[in-house]
Amino acid sequence: MNLLKKECVFLMFSNEDLNDSFDSFNVIYSKEQWYVDQYIMSLCDYIIGPPSSFSGWASYMGDVPLYQIRDTKHLLSLEDFKVFNLQTIL
């Protein structure tokens, strides 16, 4: 929210059961099938996640800027988000 300087809704996607550690934010936890989650993710304004082809394909399909978390101590900026293309994914 601080990065975008506006109110945000966070959509959380995971294969694991998600606990309530993010409940202080405006969070929606998806319980959909993987292909529905990927489609929903492709409609978001930004994607943040671990290095994975799943989020890479969502970025590519929806032309959505993606930040893949490789260093948890990195101070995130909007310049860190990149739209993935086929060369990036493959």
PDB file of N, CA and C in Angstrom:
ATOM      1  N   MET A   1       0.826  -1.190   0.000  1.00  0.00           N
ATOM      2  CA  MET A   1       0.000   0.000   0.000  1.00  0.00           C
ATOM      3  C   MET A   1       0.867   1.248   0.000  1.00  0.00           C
ATOM      4  N   ASN A   2       1.956   1.227   0.768  1.00  0.00           N
ATOM      5  CA  ASN A   2       2.856   2.387   0.790  1.00  0.00           C
ATOM      6  C   ASN A   2       3.502   2.612  -0.563  1.00  0.00           C
ATOM      7  N   LEU A   3       3.805   1.541  -1.266  1.00  0.00           N
ATOM      8  CA  LEU A   3       4.443   1.639  -2.570  1.00  0.00           C
ATOM      9  C   LEU A   3       3.533   2.306  -3.598  1.00  0.00           C
ATOM     10  N   LEU A   4       2.264   1.951  -3.577  1.00  0.00           N
ATOM     11  CA  LEU A   4       1.305   2.487  -4.547  1.00  0.00           C
ATOM     12  C   LEU A   4       0.641   3.770  -4.078  1.00  0.00           C
ATOM     13  N   LYS A   5       0.773   4.054  -2.776  1.00  0.00           N
ATOM     14  CA  LYS A   5       0.198   5.266  -2.182  1.00  0.00           C
ATOM     15  C   LYS A   5      -1.315   5.340  -2.367  1.00  0.00           C
ATOM     16  N   LYS A   6      -1.966   4.168  -2.229  1.00  0.00           N
ATOM     17  CA  LYS A   6      -3.424   4.124  -2.300  1.00  0.00           C
ATOM     18  C   LYS A   6      -3.914   2.853  -1.617  1.00  0.00           C
ATOM     19  N   GLU A   7      -5.201   2.796  -1.380  1.00  0.00           N
ATOM     20  CA  GLU A   7      -5.811   1.601  -0.788  1.00  0.00           C
ATOM     21  C   GLU A   7      -5.681   0.432  -1.744  1.00  0.00           C
ATOM     22  N   CYS A   8      -5.430  -0.744  -1.205  1.00  0.00           N
ATOM     23  CA  CYS A   8      -5.240  -1.932  -2.028  1.00  0.00           C
ATOM     24  C   CYS A   8      -6.049  -3.101  -1.477  1.00  0.00           C
ATOM     25  N   VAL A   9      -6.393  -3.994  -2.366  1.00  0.00           N
ATOM     26  CA  VAL A   9      -6.948  -5.287  -1.989  1.00  0.00           C
ATOM     27  C   VAL A   9      -5.912  -6.314  -2.421  1.00  0.00           C
ATOM     28  N   PHE A  10      -5.539  -7.178  -1.503  1.00  0.00           N
ATOM     29  CA  PHE A  10      -4.547  -8.206  -1.793  1.00  0.00           C
ATOM     30  C   PHE A  10      -5.260  -9.533  -2.006  1.00  0.00           C
ATOM     31  N   LEU A  11      -4.957 -10.184  -3.118  1.00  0.00           N
ATOM     32  CA  LEU A  11      -5.482 -11.518  -3.392  1.00  0.00           C
ATOM     33  C   LEU A  11      -4.363 -12.502  -3.111  1.00  0.00           C
ATOM     34  N   MET A  12      -4.636 -13.489  -2.286  1.00  0.00           N
ATOM     35  CA  MET A  12      -3.615 -14.470  -1.918  1.00  0.00           C
ATOM     36  C   MET A  12      -3.950 -15.798  -2.583  1.00  0.00           C
ATOM     37  N   PHE A  13      -2.940 -16.366  -3.260  1.00  0.00           N
ATOM     38  CA  PHE A  13      -3.072 -17.651  -3.933  1.00  0.00           C
ATOM     39  C   PHE A  13      -2.004 -18.573  -3.376  1.00  0.00           C
ATOM     40  N   SER A  14      -2.376 -19.800  -3.034  1.00  0.00           N
ATOM     41  CA  SER A  14      -1.390 -20.732  -2.509  1.00  0.00           C
ATOM     42  C   SER A  14      -1.905 -22.160  -2.596  1.00  0.00           C
ATOM     43  N   ASN A  15      -0.966 -23.100  -2.725  1.00  0.00           N
ATOM     44  CA  ASN A  15      -1.303 -24.521  -2.622  1.00  0.00           C
ATOM     45  C   ASN A  15      -1.428 -24.935  -1.160  1.00  0.00           C
ATOM     46  N   GLU A  16      -0.888 -24.125  -0.271  1.00  0.00           N
ATOM     47  CA  GLU A  16      -0.888 -24.403   1.161  1.00  0.00           C
ATOM     48  C   GLU A  16      -2.078 -23.725   1.820  1.00  0.00           C
ATOM     49  N   ASP A  17      -2.435 -24.206   3.004  1.00  0.00           N
ATOM     50  CA  ASP A  17      -3.439 -23.507   3.802  1.00  0.00           C
ATOM     51  C   ASP A  17      -2.823 -22.205   4.303  1.00  0.00           C
ATOM     52  N   LEU A  18      -3.506 -21.116   4.077  1.00  0.00           N
ATOM     53  CA  LEU A  18      -3.000 -19.820   4.510  1.00  0.00           C
ATOM     54  C   LEU A  18      -3.585 -19.481   5.872  1.00  0.00           C
ATOM     55  N   ASN A  19      -2.728 -19.011   6.769  1.00  0.00           N
ATOM     56  CA  ASN A  19      -3.222 -18.636   8.093  1.00  0.00           C
ATOM     57  C   ASN A  19      -3.685 -17.185   8.070  1.00  0.00           C
ATOM     58  N   ASP A  20      -4.024 -16.678   9.207  1.00  0.00           N
ATOM     59  CA  ASP A  20      -4.585 -15.329   9.286  1.00  0.00           C
ATOM     60  C   ASP A  20      -3.527 -14.255   9.547  1.00  0.00           C
ATOM     61  N   SER A  21      -2.273 -14.498   9.220  1.00  0.00           N
ATOM     62  CA  SER A  21      -1.204 -13.545   9.516  1.00  0.00           C
ATOM     63  C   SER A  21      -1.295 -12.269   8.667  1.00  0.00           C
ATOM     64  N   PHE A  22      -2.113 -12.269   7.636  1.00  0.00           N
ATOM     65  CA  PHE A  22      -2.271 -11.087   6.785  1.00  0.00           C
ATOM     66  C   PHE A  22      -3.612 -10.391   7.016  1.00  0.00           C
ATOM     67  N   ASP A  23      -4.319 -10.790   8.044  1.00  0.00           N
ATOM     68  CA  ASP A  23      -5.663 -10.261   8.250  1.00  0.00           C
ATOM     69  C   ASP A  23      -5.712  -8.780   8.616  1.00  0.00           C
ATOM     70  N   SER A  24      -4.578  -8.179   8.940  1.00  0.00           N
ATOM     71  CA  SER A  24      -4.586  -6.740   9.207  1.00  0.00           C
ATOM     72  C   SER A  24      -4.658  -5.938   7.897  1.00  0.00           C
ATOM     73  N   PHE A  25      -4.473  -6.635   6.767  1.00  0.00           N
ATOM     74  CA  PHE A  25      -4.596  -6.016   5.446  1.00  0.00           C
ATOM     75  C   PHE A  25      -5.950  -6.392   4.850  1.00  0.00           C
ATOM     76  N   ASN A  26      -6.310  -5.736   3.767  1.00  0.00           N
ATOM     77  CA  ASN A  26      -7.530  -6.055   3.048  1.00  0.00           C
ATOM     78  C   ASN A  26      -7.212  -7.229   2.119  1.00  0.00           C
ATOM     79  N   VAL A  27      -7.425  -8.460   2.606  1.00  0.00           N
ATOM     80  CA  VAL A  27      -6.981  -9.668   1.907  1.00  0.00           C
ATOM     81  C   VAL A  27      -8.159 -10.562   1.550  1.00  0.00           C
ATOM     82  N   ILE A  28      -8.101 -11.102   0.333  1.00  0.00           N
ATOM     83  CA  ILE A  28      -9.043 -12.138  -0.103  1.00  0.00           C
ATOM     84  C   ILE A  28      -8.210 -13.381  -0.386  1.00  0.00           C
ATOM     85  N   TYR A  29      -8.575 -14.488   0.232  1.00  0.00           N
ATOM     86  CA  TYR A  29      -7.870 -15.754   0.026  1.00  0.00           C
ATOM     87  C   TYR A  29      -8.631 -16.572  -1.011  1.00  0.00           C
ATOM     88  N   SER A  30      -7.971 -16.885  -2.112  1.00  0.00           N
ATOM     89  CA  SER A  30      -8.622 -17.662  -3.162  1.00  0.00           C
ATOM     90  C   SER A  30      -8.622 -19.141  -2.801  1.00  0.00           C
ATOM     91  N   LYS A  31      -9.721 -19.788  -3.086  1.00  0.00           N
ATOM     92  CA  LYS A  31      -9.862 -21.232  -2.860  1.00  0.00           C
ATOM     93  C   LYS A  31     -10.232 -21.930  -4.172  1.00  0.00           C
ATOM     94  N   GLU A  32      -9.927 -21.290  -5.282  1.00  0.00           N
ATOM     95  CA  GLU A  32     -10.323 -21.785  -6.601  1.00  0.00           C
ATOM     96  C   GLU A  32      -9.325 -22.811  -7.143  1.00  0.00           C
ATOM     97  N   GLN A  33      -9.693 -23.426  -8.241  1.00  0.00           N
ATOM     98  CA  GLN A  33      -8.792 -24.328  -8.945  1.00  0.00           C
ATOM     99  C   GLN A  33      -7.618 -23.511  -9.503  1.00  0.00           C
ATOM    100  N   TRP A  34      -6.498 -24.175  -9.807  1.00  0.00           N
ATOM    101  CA  TRP A  34      -5.284 -23.477 -10.231  1.00  0.00           C
ATOM    102  C   TRP A  34      -5.510 -22.622 -11.479  1.00  0.00           C
ATOM    103  N   TYR A  35      -6.271 -23.106 -12.433  1.00  0.00           N
ATOM    104  CA  TYR A  35      -6.469 -22.364 -13.681  1.00  0.00           C
ATOM    105  C   TYR A  35      -7.329 -21.123 -13.469  1.00  0.00           C
ATOM    106  N   VAL A  36      -8.245 -21.177 -12.515  1.00  0.00           N
ATOM    107  CA  VAL A  36      -9.042 -19.994 -12.167  1.00  0.00           C
ATOM    108  C   VAL A  36      -8.150 -18.988 -11.447  1.00  0.00           C
ATOM    109  N   ASP A  37      -7.328 -19.482 -10.511  1.00  0.00           N
ATOM    110  CA  ASP A  37      -6.386 -18.599  -9.810  1.00  0.00           C
ATOM    111  C   ASP A  37      -5.454 -17.898 -10.789  1.00  0.00           C
ATOM    112  N   GLN A  38      -4.930 -18.631 -11.757  1.00  0.00           N
ATOM    113  CA  GLN A  38      -4.005 -18.028 -12.708  1.00  0.00           C
ATOM    114  C   GLN A  38      -4.709 -16.972 -13.554  1.00  0.00           C
ATOM    115  N   TYR A  39      -5.940 -17.240 -13.942  1.00  0.00           N
ATOM    116  CA  TYR A  39      -6.703 -16.253 -14.708  1.00  0.00           C
ATOM    117  C   TYR A  39      -6.969 -15.008 -13.861  1.00  0.00           C
ATOM    118  N   ILE A  40      -7.406 -15.187 -12.622  1.00  0.00           N
ATOM    119  CA  ILE A  40      -7.654 -14.047 -11.734  1.00  0.00           C
ATOM    120  C   ILE A  40      -6.372 -13.243 -11.539  1.00  0.00           C
ATOM    121  N   MET A  41      -5.251 -13.954 -11.333  1.00  0.00           N
ATOM    122  CA  MET A  41      -3.961 -13.294 -11.154  1.00  0.00           C
ATOM    123  C   MET A  41      -3.611 -12.453 -12.380  1.00  0.00           C
ATOM    124  N   SER A  42      -3.961 -12.931 -13.560  1.00  0.00           N
ATOM    125  CA  SER A  42      -3.651 -12.195 -14.796  1.00  0.00           C
ATOM    126  C   SER A  42      -4.472 -10.910 -14.927  1.00  0.00           C
ATOM    127  N   LEU A  43      -5.492 -10.736 -14.101  1.00  0.00           N
ATOM    128  CA  LEU A  43      -6.327  -9.536 -14.121  1.00  0.00           C
ATOM    129  C   LEU A  43      -5.908  -8.497 -13.079  1.00  0.00           C
ATOM    130  N   CYS A  44      -4.922  -8.846 -12.249  1.00  0.00           N
ATOM    131  CA  CYS A  44      -4.475  -7.939 -11.185  1.00  0.00           C
ATOM    132  C   CYS A  44      -3.648  -6.788 -11.756  1.00  0.00           C
ATOM    133  N   ASP A  45      -3.452  -5.750 -10.946  1.00  0.00           N
ATOM    134  CA  ASP A  45      -2.616  -4.619 -11.354  1.00  0.00           C
ATOM    135  C   ASP A  45      -1.132  -4.943 -11.218  1.00  0.00           C
ATOM    136  N   TYR A  46      -0.763  -5.710 -10.186  1.00  0.00           N
ATOM    137  CA  TYR A  46       0.613  -6.123  -9.926  1.00  0.00           C
ATOM    138  C   TYR A  46       0.583  -7.528  -9.350  1.00  0.00           C
ATOM    139  N   ILE A  47       1.678  -8.269  -9.578  1.00  0.00           N
ATOM    140  CA  ILE A  47       1.831  -9.605  -9.016  1.00  0.00           C
ATOM    141  C   ILE A  47       3.144  -9.645  -8.254  1.00  0.00           C
ATOM    142  N   ILE A  48       3.100 -10.183  -7.040  1.00  0.00           N
ATOM    143  CA  ILE A  48       4.300 -10.416  -6.231  1.00  0.00           C
ATOM    144  C   ILE A  48       4.274 -11.874  -5.820  1.00  0.00           C
ATOM    145  N   GLY A  49       5.390 -12.561  -6.013  1.00  0.00           N
ATOM    146  CA  GLY A  49       5.434 -13.953  -5.607  1.00  0.00           C
ATOM    147  C   GLY A  49       6.820 -14.540  -5.716  1.00  0.00           C
ATOM    148  N   PRO A  50       6.954 -15.800  -5.358  1.00  0.00           N
ATOM    149  CA  PRO A  50       8.245 -16.475  -5.483  1.00  0.00           C
ATOM    150  C   PRO A  50       8.558 -16.724  -6.958  1.00  0.00           C
ATOM    151  N   PRO A  51       9.813 -17.004  -7.272  1.00  0.00           N
ATOM    152  CA  PRO A  51      10.145 -17.337  -8.663  1.00  0.00           C
ATOM    153  C   PRO A  51       9.364 -18.581  -9.099  1.00  0.00           C
ATOM    154  N   SER A  52       8.489 -18.412 -10.052  1.00  0.00           N
ATOM    155  CA  SER A  52       7.705 -19.546 -10.548  1.00  0.00           C
ATOM    156  C   SER A  52       7.174 -19.240 -11.938  1.00  0.00           C
ATOM    157  N   SER A  53       7.005 -20.277 -12.717  1.00  0.00           N
ATOM    158  CA  SER A  53       6.411 -20.083 -14.037  1.00  0.00           C
ATOM    159  C   SER A  53       4.915 -19.787 -13.913  1.00  0.00           C
ATOM    160  N   PHE A  54       4.277 -20.197 -12.811  1.00  0.00           N
ATOM    161  CA  PHE A  54       2.848 -19.940 -12.609  1.00  0.00           C
ATOM    162  C   PHE A  54       2.565 -18.440 -12.631  1.00  0.00           C
ATOM    163  N   SER A  55       3.289 -17.675 -11.832  1.00  0.00           N
ATOM    164  CA  SER A  55       3.079 -16.228 -11.818  1.00  0.00           C
ATOM    165  C   SER A  55       3.627 -15.585 -13.092  1.00  0.00           C
ATOM    166  N   GLY A  56       4.681 -16.182 -13.668  1.00  0.00           N
ATOM    167  CA  GLY A  56       5.212 -15.678 -14.940  1.00  0.00           C
ATOM    168  C   GLY A  56       4.194 -15.764 -16.056  1.00  0.00           C
ATOM    169  N   TRP A  57       3.485 -16.881 -16.143  1.00  0.00           N
ATOM    170  CA  TRP A  57       2.441 -17.031 -17.162  1.00  0.00           C
ATOM    171  C   TRP A  57       1.293 -16.054 -16.912  1.00  0.00           C
ATOM    172  N   ALA A  58       0.922 -15.835 -15.648  1.00  0.00           N
ATOM    173  CA  ALA A  58      -0.138 -14.869 -15.353  1.00  0.00           C
ATOM    174  C   ALA A  58       0.286 -13.471 -15.788  1.00  0.00           C
ATOM    175  N   SER A  59       1.553 -13.117 -15.546  1.00  0.00           N
ATOM    176  CA  SER A  59       2.076 -11.823 -15.980  1.00  0.00           C
ATOM    177  C   SER A  59       2.006 -11.698 -17.496  1.00  0.00           C
ATOM    178  N   TYR A  60       2.446 -12.736 -18.179  1.00  0.00           N
ATOM    179  CA  TYR A  60       2.430 -12.744 -19.646  1.00  0.00           C
ATOM    180  C   TYR A  60       1.007 -12.656 -20.199  1.00  0.00           C
ATOM    181  N   MET A  61       0.091 -13.485 -19.666  1.00  0.00           N
ATOM    182  CA  MET A  61      -1.283 -13.523 -20.185  1.00  0.00           C
ATOM    183  C   MET A  61      -2.004 -12.189 -20.023  1.00  0.00           C
ATOM    184  N   GLY A  62      -1.802 -11.539 -18.870  1.00  0.00           N
ATOM    185  CA  GLY A  62      -2.540 -10.307 -18.599  1.00  0.00           C
ATOM    186  C   GLY A  62      -1.739  -9.042 -18.800  1.00  0.00           C
ATOM    187  N   ASP A  63      -0.462  -9.181 -19.251  1.00  0.00           N
ATOM    188  CA  ASP A  63       0.400  -8.016 -19.407  1.00  0.00           C
ATOM    189  C   ASP A  63       0.514  -7.264 -18.072  1.00  0.00           C
ATOM    190  N   VAL A  64       0.728  -8.045 -16.996  1.00  0.00           N
ATOM    191  CA  VAL A  64       0.745  -7.519 -15.633  1.00  0.00           C
ATOM    192  C   VAL A  64       2.183  -7.487 -15.113  1.00  0.00           C
ATOM    193  N   PRO A  65       2.630  -6.356 -14.568  1.00  0.00           N
ATOM    194  CA  PRO A  65       3.969  -6.294 -13.986  1.00  0.00           C
ATOM    195  C   PRO A  65       4.104  -7.262 -12.803  1.00  0.00           C
ATOM    196  N   LEU A  66       5.237  -7.975 -12.778  1.00  0.00           N
ATOM    197  CA  LEU A  66       5.490  -9.020 -11.787  1.00  0.00           C
ATOM    198  C   LEU A  66       6.803  -8.759 -11.080  1.00  0.00           C
ATOM    199  N   TYR A  67       6.815  -8.966  -9.769  1.00  0.00           N
ATOM    200  CA  TYR A  67       8.055  -8.965  -8.998  1.00  0.00           C
ATOM    201  C   TYR A  67       8.203 -10.343  -8.378  1.00  0.00           C
ATOM    202  N   GLN A  68       9.303 -11.025  -8.708  1.00  0.00           N
ATOM    203  CA  GLN A  68       9.571 -12.330  -8.122  1.00  0.00           C
ATOM    204  C   GLN A  68      10.518 -12.147  -6.944  1.00  0.00           C
ATOM    205  N   ILE A  69      10.087 -12.586  -5.780  1.00  0.00           N
ATOM    206  CA  ILE A  69      10.845 -12.405  -4.548  1.00  0.00           C
ATOM    207  C   ILE A  69      12.053 -13.339  -4.558  1.00  0.00           C
ATOM    208  N   ARG A  70      13.228 -12.758  -4.636  1.00  0.00           N
ATOM    209  CA  ARG A  70      14.476 -13.527  -4.588  1.00  0.00           C
ATOM    210  C   ARG A  70      15.306 -13.143  -3.369  1.00  0.00           C
ATOM    211  N   ASP A  71      15.062 -11.954  -2.835  1.00  0.00           N
ATOM    212  CA  ASP A  71      15.778 -11.461  -1.666  1.00  0.00           C
ATOM    213  C   ASP A  71      14.753 -10.793  -0.756  1.00  0.00           C
ATOM    214  N   THR A  72      14.468 -11.400   0.381  1.00  0.00           N
ATOM    215  CA  THR A  72      13.427 -10.883   1.279  1.00  0.00           C
ATOM    216  C   THR A  72      13.842  -9.575   1.956  1.00  0.00           C
ATOM    217  N   LYS A  73      15.103  -9.198   1.849  1.00  0.00           N
ATOM    218  CA  LYS A  73      15.575  -7.949   2.451  1.00  0.00           C
ATOM    219  C   LYS A  73      15.585  -6.793   1.444  1.00  0.00           C
ATOM    220  N   HIS A  74      15.278  -7.086   0.194  1.00  0.00           N
ATOM    221  CA  HIS A  74      15.278  -6.063  -0.863  1.00  0.00           C
ATOM    222  C   HIS A  74      14.162  -5.050  -0.619  1.00  0.00           C
ATOM    223  N   LEU A  75      14.489  -3.772  -0.705  1.00  0.00           N
ATOM    224  CA  LEU A  75      13.500  -2.702  -0.579  1.00  0.00           C
ATOM    225  C   LEU A  75      12.821  -2.524  -1.930  1.00  0.00           C
ATOM    226  N   LEU A  76      11.586  -2.921  -2.012  1.00  0.00           N
ATOM    227  CA  LEU A  76      10.826  -2.989  -3.252  1.00  0.00           C
ATOM    228  C   LEU A  76      10.486  -1.606  -3.788  1.00  0.00           C
ATOM    229  N   SER A  77      10.596  -1.442  -5.120  1.00  0.00           N
ATOM    230  CA  SER A  77      10.161  -0.218  -5.796  1.00  0.00           C
ATOM    231  C   SER A  77       9.360  -0.626  -7.029  1.00  0.00           C
ATOM    232  N   LEU A  78       8.599   0.292  -7.587  1.00  0.00           N
ATOM    233  CA  LEU A  78       7.790  -0.012  -8.770  1.00  0.00           C
ATOM    234  C   LEU A  78       8.661  -0.375  -9.974  1.00  0.00           C
ATOM    235  N   GLU A  79       9.895   0.105 -10.002  1.00  0.00           N
ATOM    236  CA  GLU A  79      10.808  -0.226 -11.101  1.00  0.00           C
ATOM    237  C   GLU A  79      11.208  -1.706 -11.087  1.00  0.00           C
ATOM    238  N   ASP A  80      11.018  -2.389  -9.956  1.00  0.00           N
ATOM    239  CA  ASP A  80      11.352  -3.814  -9.844  1.00  0.00           C
ATOM    240  C   ASP A  80      10.344  -4.717 -10.548  1.00  0.00           C
ATOM    241  N   PHE A  81       9.176  -4.201 -10.868  1.00  0.00           N
ATOM    242  CA  PHE A  81       8.129  -4.991 -11.513  1.00  0.00           C
ATOM    243  C   PHE A  81       8.344  -5.001 -13.023  1.00  0.00           C
ATOM    244  N   LYS A  82       8.312  -6.195 -13.616  1.00  0.00           N
ATOM    245  CA  LYS A  82       8.489  -6.349 -15.056  1.00  0.00           C
ATOM    246  C   LYS A  82       7.419  -7.274 -15.608  1.00  0.00           C
ATOM    247  N   VAL A  83       6.885  -6.937 -16.780  1.00  0.00           N
ATOM    248  CA  VAL A  83       5.945  -7.821 -17.461  1.00  0.00           C
ATOM    249  C   VAL A  83       6.764  -8.942 -18.094  1.00  0.00           C
ATOM    250  N   PHE A  84       6.378 -10.169 -17.850  1.00  0.00           N
ATOM    251  CA  PHE A  84       7.089 -11.329 -18.393  1.00  0.00           C
ATOM    252  C   PHE A  84       6.699 -11.580 -19.830  1.00  0.00           C
ATOM    253  N   ASN A  85       7.679 -12.022 -20.623  1.00  0.00           N
ATOM    254  CA  ASN A  85       7.426 -12.419 -21.991  1.00  0.00           C
ATOM    255  C   ASN A  85       7.807 -13.895 -22.136  1.00  0.00           C
ATOM    256  N   LEU A  86       7.620 -14.456 -23.295  1.00  0.00           N
ATOM    257  CA  LEU A  86       7.890 -15.890 -23.475  1.00  0.00           C
ATOM    258  C   LEU A  86       9.354 -16.255 -23.203  1.00  0.00           C
ATOM    259  N   GLN A  87      10.289 -15.390 -23.562  1.00  0.00           N
ATOM    260  CA  GLN A  87      11.700 -15.677 -23.300  1.00  0.00           C
ATOM    261  C   GLN A  87      11.976 -15.710 -21.805  1.00  0.00           C
ATOM    262  N   THR A  88      11.321 -14.854 -21.046  1.00  0.00           N
ATOM    263  CA  THR A  88      11.499 -14.817 -19.593  1.00  0.00           C
ATOM    264  C   THR A  88      10.964 -16.091 -18.944  1.00  0.00           C
ATOM    265  N   ILE A  89       9.819 -16.564 -19.414  1.00  0.00           N
ATOM    266  CA  ILE A  89       9.162 -17.725 -18.825  1.00  0.00           C
ATOM    267  C   ILE A  89       9.899 -19.005 -19.176  1.00  0.00           C
ATOM    268  N   LEU A  90      10.269 -19.152 -20.442  1.00  0.00           N
ATOM    269  CA  LEU A  90      10.909 -20.376 -20.914  1.00  0.00           C
ATOM    270  C   LEU A  90      12.364 -20.308 -20.625  1.00  0.00           C
TER     271      LEU A  90
END
